[in-house]
């Protein structure tokens, strides 16, 4: 597996899981599925995708499909098998939630609470990880998801592409002042303020600077 960033949907693992879930949401053929995966993992909520109507996707999920998918994935979240890592089926529930937030779909309160409970069970690492063992969250992605749980409002799409603080996970829409980008990174990395940057520096200093060429993983 490869990874090009430290946040959610910035690696092959997340996109592979999104492909599985995207197919169940769309009900389309595998060739059309790629448009859905792009929409959910790469697109920005403020941008239009020529083949996807975000409002229609939200309506489809809100009509019962979203609840059914949560029921389905929660039922198997403690099982293992296939090519997933040990906590992989738990992480599928998190990817499902992020995709639903991406288009502003409703998530039941009991599911939101369950998401908060399972986040600590997912492997998380700050900085580089050998690709074959790079499972679950990176630290900035974990905090990005936790911030989404705290700030999400059904009906308002939540981006997982827009800048988010590497230390606390908040986005510009959560803050009174815009995020600051680290001036020394090709990454890039963002922070709410100098306090967040200092708090994360012990981890960030190891990856701050120009990105090495031809790296399979960051």
C-alpha atoms as a PDB file:
ATOM      1  CA  UNK A   1       0.000   0.000   0.000  1.00  0.00           C
ATOM      2  CA  UNK A   2       1.072   3.556  -0.612  1.00  0.00           C
ATOM      3  CA  UNK A   3       0.345   6.797   1.182  1.00  0.00           C
ATOM      4  CA  UNK A   4       0.792  10.354  -0.090  1.00  0.00           C
ATOM      5  CA  UNK A   5      -0.488  12.220   2.972  1.00  0.00           C
ATOM      6  CA  UNK A   6      -1.182  11.852   6.675  1.00  0.00           C
ATOM      7  CA  UNK A   7      -4.924  12.503   6.702  1.00  0.00           C
ATOM      8  CA  UNK A   8      -7.978  10.464   5.795  1.00  0.00           C
ATOM      9  CA  UNK A   9      -8.291   9.323   2.166  1.00  0.00           C
ATOM     10  CA  UNK A  10      -4.634  10.128   1.506  1.00  0.00           C
ATOM     11  CA  UNK A  11      -3.612   6.509   1.051  1.00  0.00           C
ATOM     12  CA  UNK A  12      -4.504   3.357  -0.869  1.00  0.00           C
ATOM     13  CA  UNK A  13      -6.060   1.664   2.169  1.00  0.00           C
ATOM     14  CA  UNK A  14      -8.754   4.321   2.595  1.00  0.00           C
ATOM     15  CA  UNK A  15      -9.507   4.502  -1.105  1.00  0.00           C
ATOM     16  CA  UNK A  16      -9.821   0.714  -1.374  1.00  0.00           C
ATOM     17  CA  UNK A  17     -12.348   0.722   1.454  1.00  0.00           C
ATOM     18  CA  UNK A  18     -14.153   3.685  -0.091  1.00  0.00           C
ATOM     19  CA  UNK A  19     -14.390   1.723  -3.331  1.00  0.00           C
ATOM     20  CA  UNK A  20     -16.217  -1.117  -1.564  1.00  0.00           C
ATOM     21  CA  UNK A  21     -18.621   1.239   0.197  1.00  0.00           C
ATOM     22  CA  UNK A  22     -19.045   3.498  -2.827  1.00  0.00           C
ATOM     23  CA  UNK A  23     -20.216   0.548  -4.896  1.00  0.00           C
ATOM     24  CA  UNK A  24     -22.860  -0.297  -2.296  1.00  0.00           C
ATOM     25  CA  UNK A  25     -24.058   3.306  -2.225  1.00  0.00           C
ATOM     26  CA  UNK A  26     -24.117   3.773  -5.967  1.00  0.00           C
ATOM     27  CA  UNK A  27     -25.237   0.323  -7.091  1.00  0.00           C
ATOM     28  CA  UNK A  28     -23.370   1.015 -10.311  1.00  0.00           C
ATOM     29  CA  UNK A  29     -20.987  -1.119 -12.327  1.00  0.00           C
ATOM     30  CA  UNK A  30     -17.309  -1.206 -11.298  1.00  0.00           C
ATOM     31  CA  UNK A  31     -16.297   1.151 -14.121  1.00  0.00           C
ATOM     32  CA  UNK A  32     -18.763   3.789 -12.906  1.00  0.00           C
ATOM     33  CA  UNK A  33     -17.728   3.190  -9.334  1.00  0.00           C
ATOM     34  CA  UNK A  34     -14.490   5.145  -9.858  1.00  0.00           C
ATOM     35  CA  UNK A  35     -16.460   8.354 -10.256  1.00  0.00           C
ATOM     36  CA  UNK A  36     -18.085   7.713  -6.899  1.00  0.00           C
ATOM     37  CA  UNK A  37     -14.801   6.988  -5.169  1.00  0.00           C
ATOM     38  CA  UNK A  38     -13.341  10.176  -6.626  1.00  0.00           C
ATOM     39  CA  UNK A  39     -16.380  12.138  -5.483  1.00  0.00           C
ATOM     40  CA  UNK A  40     -16.223  10.854  -1.916  1.00  0.00           C
ATOM     41  CA  UNK A  41     -12.457  10.912  -1.367  1.00  0.00           C
ATOM     42  CA  UNK A  42     -10.928  13.544  -3.641  1.00  0.00           C
ATOM     43  CA  UNK A  43     -13.605  16.071  -4.477  1.00  0.00           C
ATOM     44  CA  UNK A  44     -14.355  19.177  -2.439  1.00  0.00           C
ATOM     45  CA  UNK A  45     -17.947  19.740  -1.269  1.00  0.00           C
ATOM     46  CA  UNK A  46     -17.958  23.142  -2.961  1.00  0.00           C
ATOM     47  CA  UNK A  47     -16.999  21.665  -6.326  1.00  0.00           C
ATOM     48  CA  UNK A  48     -19.377  19.936  -8.727  1.00  0.00           C
ATOM     49  CA  UNK A  49     -18.641  16.502 -10.128  1.00  0.00           C
ATOM     50  CA  UNK A  50     -20.103  16.033 -13.604  1.00  0.00           C
ATOM     51  CA  UNK A  51     -21.497  12.573 -12.834  1.00  0.00           C
ATOM     52  CA  UNK A  52     -22.570  12.994  -9.208  1.00  0.00           C
ATOM     53  CA  UNK A  53     -25.396  14.978  -7.630  1.00  0.00           C
ATOM     54  CA  UNK A  54     -24.452  15.368  -3.953  1.00  0.00           C
ATOM     55  CA  UNK A  55     -28.013  16.247  -2.939  1.00  0.00           C
ATOM     56  CA  UNK A  56     -29.317  13.097  -4.639  1.00  0.00           C
ATOM     57  CA  UNK A  57     -26.682  10.981  -2.877  1.00  0.00           C
ATOM     58  CA  UNK A  58     -27.643  12.524   0.451  1.00  0.00           C
ATOM     59  CA  UNK A  59     -31.332  11.882  -0.204  1.00  0.00           C
ATOM     60  CA  UNK A  60     -30.580   8.257  -1.061  1.00  0.00           C
ATOM     61  CA  UNK A  61     -28.602   7.754   2.140  1.00  0.00           C
ATOM     62  CA  UNK A  62     -31.170   9.587   4.264  1.00  0.00           C
ATOM     63  CA  UNK A  63     -33.989   7.427   2.894  1.00  0.00           C
ATOM     64  CA  UNK A  64     -32.697   4.460   4.895  1.00  0.00           C
ATOM     65  CA  UNK A  65     -29.646   3.268   2.979  1.00  0.00           C
ATOM     66  CA  UNK A  66     -27.240   5.014   5.352  1.00  0.00           C
ATOM     67  CA  UNK A  67     -28.784   3.382   8.426  1.00  0.00           C
ATOM     68  CA  UNK A  68     -28.802   0.005   6.689  1.00  0.00           C
ATOM     69  CA  UNK A  69     -25.126   0.319   5.800  1.00  0.00           C
ATOM     70  CA  UNK A  70     -24.253   1.208   9.387  1.00  0.00           C
ATOM     71  CA  UNK A  71     -26.208  -1.828  10.591  1.00  0.00           C
ATOM     72  CA  UNK A  72     -24.432  -4.048   8.079  1.00  0.00           C
ATOM     73  CA  UNK A  73     -20.904  -2.871   8.855  1.00  0.00           C
ATOM     74  CA  UNK A  74     -21.418  -2.711  12.615  1.00  0.00           C
ATOM     75  CA  UNK A  75     -22.700  -6.294  12.603  1.00  0.00           C
ATOM     76  CA  UNK A  76     -19.385  -7.548  11.196  1.00  0.00           C
ATOM     77  CA  UNK A  77     -17.016  -5.021  12.754  1.00  0.00           C
ATOM     78  CA  UNK A  78     -15.526  -7.501  15.227  1.00  0.00           C
ATOM     79  CA  UNK A  79     -14.846 -10.195  12.649  1.00  0.00           C
ATOM     80  CA  UNK A  80     -11.669 -10.639  10.652  1.00  0.00           C
ATOM     81  CA  UNK A  81     -10.839 -12.139   7.327  1.00  0.00           C
ATOM     82  CA  UNK A  82      -9.859 -11.370   3.787  1.00  0.00           C
ATOM     83  CA  UNK A  83      -7.101  -8.856   3.158  1.00  0.00           C
ATOM     84  CA  UNK A  84      -8.077  -6.452   5.972  1.00  0.00           C
ATOM     85  CA  UNK A  85      -5.843  -5.845   8.974  1.00  0.00           C
ATOM     86  CA  UNK A  86      -7.050  -7.002  12.400  1.00  0.00           C
ATOM     87  CA  UNK A  87      -9.116  -3.891  13.107  1.00  0.00           C
ATOM     88  CA  UNK A  88      -9.974  -3.415   9.440  1.00  0.00           C
ATOM     89  CA  UNK A  89     -13.706  -4.011   9.763  1.00  0.00           C
ATOM     90  CA  UNK A  90     -13.891  -1.458  12.553  1.00  0.00           C
ATOM     91  CA  UNK A  91     -12.098   0.991  10.290  1.00  0.00           C
ATOM     92  CA  UNK A  92     -14.647   0.309   7.535  1.00  0.00           C
ATOM     93  CA  UNK A  93     -17.317   1.768   9.837  1.00  0.00           C
ATOM     94  CA  UNK A  94     -15.213   4.918  10.176  1.00  0.00           C
ATOM     95  CA  UNK A  95     -14.716   5.183   6.411  1.00  0.00           C
ATOM     96  CA  UNK A  96     -18.471   4.785   5.917  1.00  0.00           C
ATOM     97  CA  UNK A  97     -19.132   7.614   8.380  1.00  0.00           C
ATOM     98  CA  UNK A  98     -16.613   9.892   6.669  1.00  0.00           C
ATOM     99  CA  UNK A  99     -18.206   9.224   3.280  1.00  0.00           C
ATOM    100  CA  UNK A 100     -21.648  10.018   4.664  1.00  0.00           C
ATOM    101  CA  UNK A 101     -20.361  13.233   6.212  1.00  0.00           C
ATOM    102  CA  UNK A 102     -18.786  14.051   2.874  1.00  0.00           C
ATOM    103  CA  UNK A 103     -22.233  14.513   1.326  1.00  0.00           C
ATOM    104  CA  UNK A 104     -24.045  15.778   4.437  1.00  0.00           C
ATOM    105  CA  UNK A 105     -26.083  12.647   5.174  1.00  0.00           C
ATOM    106  CA  UNK A 106     -27.826  12.000   8.483  1.00  0.00           C
ATOM    107  CA  UNK A 107     -26.045   9.764  10.987  1.00  0.00           C
ATOM    108  CA  UNK A 108     -27.972   8.412  13.970  1.00  0.00           C
ATOM    109  CA  UNK A 109     -26.835   9.670  17.376  1.00  0.00           C
ATOM    110  CA  UNK A 110     -26.159   6.114  18.554  1.00  0.00           C
ATOM    111  CA  UNK A 111     -23.885   5.628  15.541  1.00  0.00           C
ATOM    112  CA  UNK A 112     -22.063   8.907  16.256  1.00  0.00           C
ATOM    113  CA  UNK A 113     -21.465   7.764  19.831  1.00  0.00           C
ATOM    114  CA  UNK A 114     -20.282   4.364  18.619  1.00  0.00           C
ATOM    115  CA  UNK A 115     -17.807   6.049  16.278  1.00  0.00           C
ATOM    116  CA  UNK A 116     -16.297   7.955  19.202  1.00  0.00           C
ATOM    117  CA  UNK A 117     -15.964   4.683  21.103  1.00  0.00           C
ATOM    118  CA  UNK A 118     -14.189   2.745  18.349  1.00  0.00           C
ATOM    119  CA  UNK A 119     -11.689   5.414  17.248  1.00  0.00           C
ATOM    120  CA  UNK A 120      -9.223   4.498  20.067  1.00  0.00           C
ATOM    121  CA  UNK A 121      -9.257   0.855  18.898  1.00  0.00           C
ATOM    122  CA  UNK A 122      -7.876   1.743  15.455  1.00  0.00           C
ATOM    123  CA  UNK A 123      -4.072   1.681  15.039  1.00  0.00           C
ATOM    124  CA  UNK A 124      -2.628   5.184  14.764  1.00  0.00           C
ATOM    125  CA  UNK A 125       0.899   6.416  14.154  1.00  0.00           C
ATOM    126  CA  UNK A 126       2.599   9.782  13.891  1.00  0.00           C
ATOM    127  CA  UNK A 127       4.967  10.040  10.949  1.00  0.00           C
ATOM    128  CA  UNK A 128       6.384   7.478   8.549  1.00  0.00           C
ATOM    129  CA  UNK A 129       5.368   3.829   8.609  1.00  0.00           C
ATOM    130  CA  UNK A 130       6.651   0.930   6.520  1.00  0.00           C
ATOM    131  CA  UNK A 131       4.027   0.514   3.738  1.00  0.00           C
ATOM    132  CA  UNK A 132       3.160  -3.135   4.429  1.00  0.00           C
ATOM    133  CA  UNK A 133       2.323  -2.297   8.056  1.00  0.00           C
ATOM    134  CA  UNK A 134       0.670   1.072   7.447  1.00  0.00           C
ATOM    135  CA  UNK A 135      -2.837   0.303   8.674  1.00  0.00           C
ATOM    136  CA  UNK A 136      -5.496   2.499  10.217  1.00  0.00           C
ATOM    137  CA  UNK A 137      -4.967   6.168  10.999  1.00  0.00           C
ATOM    138  CA  UNK A 138      -2.055   8.497  10.847  1.00  0.00           C
ATOM    139  CA  UNK A 139      -2.252  10.981  13.727  1.00  0.00           C
ATOM    140  CA  UNK A 140      -3.453  13.987  11.676  1.00  0.00           C
ATOM    141  CA  UNK A 141      -6.159  11.852  10.062  1.00  0.00           C
ATOM    142  CA  UNK A 142      -7.355  10.528  13.416  1.00  0.00           C
ATOM    143  CA  UNK A 143      -7.699  14.052  14.764  1.00  0.00           C
ATOM    144  CA  UNK A 144      -9.309  15.177  11.498  1.00  0.00           C
ATOM    145  CA  UNK A 145     -11.999  12.532  11.996  1.00  0.00           C
ATOM    146  CA  UNK A 146     -12.507  13.339  15.686  1.00  0.00           C
ATOM    147  CA  UNK A 147     -12.921  17.024  14.827  1.00  0.00           C
ATOM    148  CA  UNK A 148     -15.475  16.023  12.199  1.00  0.00           C
ATOM    149  CA  UNK A 149     -17.450  14.118  14.850  1.00  0.00           C
ATOM    150  CA  UNK A 150     -17.436  17.211  17.064  1.00  0.00           C
ATOM    151  CA  UNK A 151     -18.436  19.719  14.376  1.00  0.00           C
ATOM    152  CA  UNK A 152     -20.537  17.775  11.868  1.00  0.00           C
ATOM    153  CA  UNK A 153     -24.053  18.987  11.090  1.00  0.00           C
ATOM    154  CA  UNK A 154     -26.334  16.808   8.971  1.00  0.00           C
ATOM    155  CA  UNK A 155     -27.257  18.565   5.752  1.00  0.00           C
ATOM    156  CA  UNK A 156     -23.900  20.363   5.548  1.00  0.00           C
ATOM    157  CA  UNK A 157     -21.220  18.377   3.663  1.00  0.00           C
ATOM    158  CA  UNK A 158     -17.953  17.997   5.564  1.00  0.00           C
ATOM    159  CA  UNK A 159     -14.783  18.010   3.488  1.00  0.00           C
ATOM    160  CA  UNK A 160     -11.952  15.588   4.160  1.00  0.00           C
ATOM    161  CA  UNK A 161      -9.871  17.270   1.449  1.00  0.00           C
ATOM    162  CA  UNK A 162      -9.811  20.858   2.675  1.00  0.00           C
ATOM    163  CA  UNK A 163      -6.971  21.896   5.000  1.00  0.00           C
ATOM    164  CA  UNK A 164      -7.165  20.701   8.602  1.00  0.00           C
ATOM    165  CA  UNK A 165      -4.898  21.298  11.586  1.00  0.00           C
ATOM    166  CA  UNK A 166      -2.384  18.485  12.054  1.00  0.00           C
ATOM    167  CA  UNK A 167      -2.505  18.982  15.837  1.00  0.00           C
ATOM    168  CA  UNK A 168      -6.252  19.221  16.554  1.00  0.00           C
ATOM    169  CA  UNK A 169      -7.974  18.332  13.264  1.00  0.00           C
ATOM    170  CA  UNK A 170     -10.093  21.477  12.931  1.00  0.00           C
ATOM    171  CA  UNK A 171     -10.862  23.038   9.542  1.00  0.00           C
ATOM    172  CA  UNK A 172     -11.218  26.678   8.577  1.00  0.00           C
ATOM    173  CA  UNK A 173     -14.993  26.354   8.945  1.00  0.00           C
ATOM    174  CA  UNK A 174     -14.482  25.405  12.619  1.00  0.00           C
ATOM    175  CA  UNK A 175     -12.233  28.375  13.404  1.00  0.00           C
ATOM    176  CA  UNK A 176     -12.422  32.142  13.712  1.00  0.00           C
ATOM    177  CA  UNK A 177      -9.084  32.611  11.907  1.00  0.00           C
ATOM    178  CA  UNK A 178      -7.731  30.754   8.858  1.00  0.00           C
ATOM    179  CA  UNK A 179      -5.303  27.882   9.255  1.00  0.00           C
ATOM    180  CA  UNK A 180      -1.593  28.550   8.902  1.00  0.00           C
ATOM    181  CA  UNK A 181       0.464  26.454   6.503  1.00  0.00           C
ATOM    182  CA  UNK A 182       3.900  25.279   7.592  1.00  0.00           C
ATOM    183  CA  UNK A 183       6.384  27.277   5.534  1.00  0.00           C
ATOM    184  CA  UNK A 184       9.007  24.535   5.515  1.00  0.00           C
ATOM    185  CA  UNK A 185       6.862  21.713   4.086  1.00  0.00           C
ATOM    186  CA  UNK A 186       6.151  20.429   0.609  1.00  0.00           C
ATOM    187  CA  UNK A 187       3.541  18.195   2.319  1.00  0.00           C
ATOM    188  CA  UNK A 188       1.781  20.420   3.180  1.00  0.00           C
ATOM    189  CA  UNK A 189       0.910  20.670   6.883  1.00  0.00           C
ATOM    190  CA  UNK A 190      -1.465  23.149   8.515  1.00  0.00           C
ATOM    191  CA  UNK A 191      -1.954  24.439  12.051  1.00  0.00           C
ATOM    192  CA  UNK A 192      -4.559  26.539  13.860  1.00  0.00           C
ATOM    193  CA  UNK A 193      -1.920  28.746  15.435  1.00  0.00           C
ATOM    194  CA  UNK A 194       1.578  28.740  16.883  1.00  0.00           C
ATOM    195  CA  UNK A 195       0.375  26.846  19.953  1.00  0.00           C
ATOM    196  CA  UNK A 196      -0.860  23.926  17.833  1.00  0.00           C
ATOM    197  CA  UNK A 197       2.329  24.008  15.781  1.00  0.00           C
ATOM    198  CA  UNK A 198       4.502  23.872  18.916  1.00  0.00           C
ATOM    199  CA  UNK A 199       2.387  21.092  20.401  1.00  0.00           C
ATOM    200  CA  UNK A 200       2.883  18.921  17.311  1.00  0.00           C
ATOM    201  CA  UNK A 201       6.493  19.893  16.580  1.00  0.00           C
ATOM    202  CA  UNK A 202       8.039  16.810  18.236  1.00  0.00           C
ATOM    203  CA  UNK A 203       6.315  14.737  15.546  1.00  0.00           C
ATOM    204  CA  UNK A 204       6.281  17.210  12.692  1.00  0.00           C
ATOM    205  CA  UNK A 205       9.994  18.031  12.801  1.00  0.00           C
ATOM    206  CA  UNK A 206      10.763  14.500  11.587  1.00  0.00           C
ATOM    207  CA  UNK A 207       8.801  15.051   8.368  1.00  0.00           C
ATOM    208  CA  UNK A 208       9.100  18.820   7.912  1.00  0.00           C
ATOM    209  CA  UNK A 209      10.957  19.884   4.773  1.00  0.00           C
ATOM    210  CA  UNK A 210      11.065  19.012   1.069  1.00  0.00           C
ATOM    211  CA  UNK A 211       9.467  15.684   0.228  1.00  0.00           C
ATOM    212  CA  UNK A 212      11.850  13.030  -1.044  1.00  0.00           C
ATOM    213  CA  UNK A 213      11.208  11.977  -4.619  1.00  0.00           C
ATOM    214  CA  UNK A 214       9.923   8.509  -5.545  1.00  0.00           C
ATOM    215  CA  UNK A 215       8.742   7.639  -2.030  1.00  0.00           C
ATOM    216  CA  UNK A 216       6.088   4.938  -1.812  1.00  0.00           C
ATOM    217  CA  UNK A 217       4.993   6.246   1.577  1.00  0.00           C
ATOM    218  CA  UNK A 218       5.206   9.526   3.469  1.00  0.00           C
END
